Amino acid sequence: MEAEDKNFYSIGDVERITGIKAYILRYWEQEFRILRPARRTSGQRKYTRTDIDLILKIKELLYTKEYTIAGAKKFLIEERRKRKKQTTLDFGKESVSADLVNKLKKELKEILEILK
């Protein structure tokens, strides 16, 4: 089932969209630290589209690719690390990788030391 275009989804909405029962979603929140939906003041969970995408990824890892929970956690952690490393920073019209920015910072510090 496709998600409506809204900012936040209830646990019931997420259950309908993903096909994952609410009690399993609550269990996954305990197991996967990366899955932490925000809470309303009443305590109800409010899932974002990003949360739903993550739930669908976990579902794929566990049910289709038959990962264990530990294996799925490890996979998601590695995937997150790779994404962080490849993060790009926007400078106007250009995008620059975070690695390049760090190298440039280092070189500029070295130049500054030489000029002192």
Protein backbone atom coordinates (compact mmCIF):
# COMPACT_ATOMS: atom_id res chain seq x y z
CA MET A 1 0.00 0.00 0.00
CA GLU A 2 1.30 3.48 -0.86
CA ALA A 3 1.62 6.17 1.79
CA GLU A 4 -0.44 9.33 1.67
CA ASP A 5 1.57 12.50 1.37
CA LYS A 6 1.56 13.81 4.94
CA ASN A 7 4.18 14.95 7.42
CA PHE A 8 3.45 12.40 10.14
CA TYR A 9 1.85 8.97 10.26
CA SER A 10 0.30 7.09 13.17
CA ILE A 11 1.37 3.56 14.04
CA GLY A 12 -1.89 2.34 12.44
CA ASP A 13 -1.03 4.18 9.21
CA VAL A 14 2.44 2.63 9.21
CA GLU A 15 0.96 -0.81 9.82
CA ARG A 16 -1.30 -0.42 6.76
CA ILE A 17 1.49 1.00 4.57
CA THR A 18 4.20 -1.54 5.47
CA GLY A 19 2.15 -4.60 6.35
CA ILE A 20 4.05 -4.88 9.66
CA LYS A 21 1.90 -5.32 12.78
CA ALA A 22 2.04 -2.58 15.42
CA TYR A 23 3.52 -4.87 18.08
CA ILE A 24 6.36 -5.78 15.71
CA LEU A 25 7.00 -2.09 14.97
CA ARG A 26 7.25 -1.42 18.71
CA TYR A 27 9.63 -4.38 19.08
CA TRP A 28 11.81 -3.11 16.22
CA GLU A 29 12.05 0.27 17.95
CA GLN A 30 13.64 -1.56 20.90
CA GLU A 31 16.00 -3.57 18.69
CA PHE A 32 17.02 -0.95 16.13
CA ARG A 33 18.27 2.21 17.81
CA ILE A 34 18.18 3.95 14.45
CA LEU A 35 14.37 3.63 14.43
CA ARG A 36 13.09 6.25 16.86
CA PRO A 37 9.86 7.93 15.79
CA ALA A 38 9.03 11.23 17.46
CA ARG A 39 6.27 11.31 20.06
CA ARG A 40 3.31 13.61 20.40
CA THR A 41 2.73 15.23 23.79
CA SER A 42 0.12 12.51 24.34
CA GLY A 43 2.86 9.89 23.87
CA GLN A 44 1.61 8.60 20.51
CA ARG A 45 4.26 7.81 17.95
CA LYS A 46 4.47 10.04 14.89
CA TYR A 47 6.39 8.39 12.07
CA THR A 48 7.90 10.31 9.16
CA ARG A 49 8.33 9.15 5.58
CA THR A 50 12.00 8.49 6.46
CA ASP A 51 10.90 6.21 9.32
CA ILE A 52 8.61 4.32 6.94
CA ASP A 53 11.44 3.90 4.41
CA LEU A 54 13.65 2.53 7.19
CA ILE A 55 10.92 0.12 8.30
CA LEU A 56 10.56 -1.13 4.72
CA LYS A 57 14.36 -1.61 4.56
CA ILE A 58 14.33 -3.58 7.83
CA LYS A 59 11.42 -5.65 6.52
CA GLU A 60 13.37 -6.43 3.34
CA LEU A 61 16.49 -7.40 5.29
CA LEU A 62 14.64 -9.65 7.73
CA TYR A 63 11.93 -11.20 5.56
CA THR A 64 13.30 -11.19 2.01
CA LYS A 65 17.06 -11.41 2.50
CA GLU A 66 16.61 -13.47 5.68
CA TYR A 67 19.10 -11.55 7.82
CA THR A 68 19.06 -12.10 11.56
CA ILE A 69 18.23 -9.07 13.68
CA ALA A 70 21.92 -8.76 14.58
CA GLY A 71 22.88 -9.03 10.92
CA ALA A 72 20.32 -6.41 9.90
CA LYS A 73 21.59 -4.04 12.61
CA LYS A 74 25.15 -4.49 11.39
CA PHE A 75 24.10 -3.92 7.77
CA LEU A 76 22.22 -0.71 8.64
CA ILE A 77 25.12 0.62 10.73
CA GLU A 78 27.58 0.01 7.88
CA GLU A 79 25.20 1.57 5.36
CA ARG A 80 24.85 4.65 7.58
CA ARG A 81 28.65 4.94 7.93
CA LYS A 82 29.11 4.79 4.18
CA ARG A 83 26.43 7.43 3.66
CA LYS A 84 28.04 9.74 6.23
CA LYS A 85 31.39 9.37 4.54
CA GLN A 86 29.91 10.19 1.16
CA THR A 87 27.90 13.16 2.44
CA THR A 88 28.21 16.18 0.25
CA LEU A 89 28.16 19.80 1.28
CA ASP A 90 26.51 22.41 -0.93
CA PHE A 91 28.44 25.57 -1.68
CA GLY A 92 26.16 27.50 -3.98
CA LYS A 93 26.07 25.74 -7.31
CA GLU A 94 28.69 23.11 -6.44
CA SER A 95 28.60 20.07 -4.21
CA VAL A 96 31.78 19.07 -2.41
CA SER A 97 32.37 15.80 -0.55
CA ALA A 98 32.99 15.95 3.19
CA ASP A 99 36.33 14.14 2.64
CA LEU A 100 37.48 16.87 0.26
CA VAL A 101 36.46 19.59 2.72
CA ASN A 102 38.47 17.87 5.48
CA LYS A 103 41.53 17.61 3.23
CA LEU A 104 41.24 21.28 2.31
CA LYS A 105 40.97 22.26 5.98
CA LYS A 106 44.13 20.31 6.77
CA GLU A 107 46.03 21.92 3.90
CA LEU A 108 44.86 25.40 4.91
CA LYS A 109 46.00 24.79 8.48
CA GLU A 110 49.42 23.71 7.18
CA ILE A 111 49.66 26.85 5.02
CA LEU A 112 48.66 28.99 7.99
CA GLU A 113 51.43 27.41 10.10
CA ILE A 114 53.97 28.15 7.34
CA LEU A 115 52.84 31.78 7.13
CA LYS A 116 53.22 32.25 10.90
